[in-house]
Protein backbone atom coordinates (compact mmCIF):
# COMPACT_ATOMS: atom_id res chain seq x y z
CA UNK A 1 32.86 20.01 36.03
CA UNK A 2 31.22 20.83 39.36
CA UNK A 3 34.60 20.71 41.16
CA UNK A 4 36.07 23.08 38.57
CA UNK A 5 33.38 25.71 39.16
CA UNK A 6 33.63 25.30 42.92
CA UNK A 7 37.41 25.84 42.77
CA UNK A 8 36.99 28.80 40.41
CA UNK A 9 34.40 30.42 42.68
CA UNK A 10 36.59 29.88 45.76
CA UNK A 11 39.62 31.35 43.95
CA UNK A 12 37.67 34.43 42.87
CA UNK A 13 36.40 34.94 46.43
CA UNK A 14 39.92 34.60 47.85
CA UNK A 15 41.31 37.14 45.37
CA UNK A 16 38.57 39.65 46.21
CA UNK A 17 38.97 39.26 50.00
CA UNK A 18 42.78 39.07 50.17
CA UNK A 19 43.48 42.83 49.96
CA UNK A 20 41.07 43.44 52.87
CA UNK A 21 42.73 40.70 54.92
CA UNK A 22 46.18 42.18 54.34
CA UNK A 23 44.97 45.67 55.31
CA UNK A 24 43.23 44.43 58.44
CA UNK A 25 46.48 42.82 59.61
CA UNK A 26 48.44 46.06 59.25
CA UNK A 27 46.02 48.72 60.57
CA UNK A 28 43.48 49.05 63.31
CA UNK A 29 39.98 50.47 62.80
CA UNK A 30 41.30 54.04 62.91
CA UNK A 31 43.91 53.25 60.24
CA UNK A 32 46.90 53.22 62.62
CA UNK A 33 50.00 51.20 61.73
CA UNK A 34 51.57 49.72 64.87
CA UNK A 35 54.28 47.92 62.91
CA UNK A 36 56.58 49.52 60.35
CA UNK A 37 57.00 46.30 58.36
CA UNK A 38 56.19 46.68 54.65
CA UNK A 39 56.59 44.34 51.66
CA UNK A 40 59.22 46.45 49.87
CA UNK A 41 62.61 47.15 51.45
CA UNK A 42 65.27 49.70 50.58
CA UNK A 43 68.23 48.37 48.64
CA UNK A 44 70.41 51.39 49.48
CA UNK A 45 70.99 51.02 53.21
CA UNK A 46 73.26 48.76 55.20
CA UNK A 47 70.22 47.66 57.23
CA UNK A 48 67.18 47.44 54.97
CA UNK A 49 64.30 49.68 55.99
CA UNK A 50 60.71 49.30 54.86
CA UNK A 51 59.48 51.74 52.21
CA UNK A 52 56.31 53.79 52.70
CA UNK A 53 54.65 56.39 50.42
CA UNK A 54 53.19 59.72 51.57
CA UNK A 55 49.54 59.93 50.47
CA UNK A 56 48.51 63.02 52.46
CA UNK A 57 47.25 65.60 49.95
CA UNK A 58 49.13 68.50 51.56
CA UNK A 59 52.33 66.64 52.37
CA UNK A 60 53.41 65.23 55.73
CA UNK A 61 55.36 66.80 58.60
CA UNK A 62 58.19 64.80 60.11
CA UNK A 63 58.87 65.68 63.76
CA UNK A 64 61.89 65.43 66.06
CA UNK A 65 60.06 62.94 68.31
CA UNK A 66 56.84 60.93 68.30
CA UNK A 67 54.51 63.76 69.32
CA UNK A 68 52.39 66.49 67.73
CA UNK A 69 54.03 68.84 70.25
CA UNK A 70 57.50 68.09 68.88
CA UNK A 71 59.14 70.54 66.42
CA UNK A 72 58.85 69.85 62.68
CA UNK A 73 62.19 68.77 61.21
CA UNK A 74 61.07 68.55 57.58
CA UNK A 75 57.97 68.14 55.42
CA UNK A 76 57.57 65.42 52.79
CA UNK A 77 55.56 66.07 49.65
CA UNK A 78 52.70 63.86 48.47
CA UNK A 79 54.03 60.68 46.77
CA UNK A 80 57.44 60.96 48.46
CA UNK A 81 58.87 57.55 49.42
CA UNK A 82 60.05 57.24 53.01
CA UNK A 83 62.54 54.71 54.32
CA UNK A 84 61.55 53.69 57.82
CA UNK A 85 64.27 53.13 60.40
CA UNK A 86 64.62 49.57 61.69
CA UNK A 87 66.22 49.24 65.10
CA UNK A 88 68.16 46.18 66.20
CA UNK A 89 67.10 44.44 69.38
CA UNK A 90 69.54 41.63 70.03
CA UNK A 91 69.42 39.40 66.97
CA UNK A 92 65.90 40.49 65.94
CA UNK A 93 64.75 43.61 64.13
CA UNK A 94 62.38 45.78 66.13
CA UNK A 95 59.44 46.69 63.92
CA UNK A 96 57.06 48.19 66.47
CA UNK A 97 56.35 51.92 66.15
CA UNK A 98 56.70 54.21 69.19
CA UNK A 99 53.49 55.65 70.65
CA UNK A 100 52.80 59.25 71.61
CA UNK A 101 51.19 60.42 74.85
CA UNK A 102 47.74 59.57 73.39
CA UNK A 103 48.72 56.04 72.30
CA UNK A 104 49.00 56.91 68.59
CA UNK A 105 51.82 55.22 66.64
CA UNK A 106 54.58 57.15 64.81
CA UNK A 107 57.12 55.81 62.31
CA UNK A 108 60.80 56.72 62.55
CA UNK A 109 61.92 57.91 59.09
CA UNK A 110 65.55 57.81 58.00
CA UNK A 111 67.25 60.95 56.78
CA UNK A 112 70.61 61.36 55.08
CA UNK A 113 72.60 60.21 58.13
CA UNK A 114 72.08 58.25 61.35
CA UNK A 115 71.30 61.32 63.46
CA UNK A 116 68.75 62.55 60.93
CA UNK A 117 65.75 60.43 62.04
CA UNK A 118 62.37 62.11 62.40
CA UNK A 119 58.84 60.77 63.02
CA UNK A 120 55.64 60.77 60.94
CA UNK A 121 52.16 59.75 62.09
CA UNK A 122 51.73 56.07 61.27
CA UNK A 123 48.19 56.24 59.89
CA UNK A 124 46.63 55.21 56.57
CA UNK A 125 45.35 58.78 56.07
CA UNK A 126 48.95 59.93 55.65
CA UNK A 127 51.08 56.98 54.49
CA UNK A 128 50.75 53.55 52.93
CA UNK A 129 53.27 50.75 52.36
CA UNK A 130 54.99 50.64 49.00
CA UNK A 131 53.94 47.51 47.11
CA UNK A 132 55.59 45.91 44.11
């Protein structure tokens, strides 16, 4: 009986801590995402991109390059699902987000065609990974 309760207690602790562990692996203390890897991938593209959801209350601007100084290409509404571009680097996928002049990460978001990529701030205040 004692082993059963020990195992049950350990399992309950693991379940309660697991979401925090997953979040701490994907963001820094300021909520920045340095990798664009997410658990859910797009099924519609030739090269699967990770899916992210806009959580910013007033929508999210997508810019021509990874900088607040760059022109806005389009704005995504709250709850819009973004497909993040995955670049090929040799035989491996490159999942690291580009940084702006202040060292803040930005995610490249796919548009309707290859030339239609724009960038959103990769921060948990604005986006979060889509989960199943």
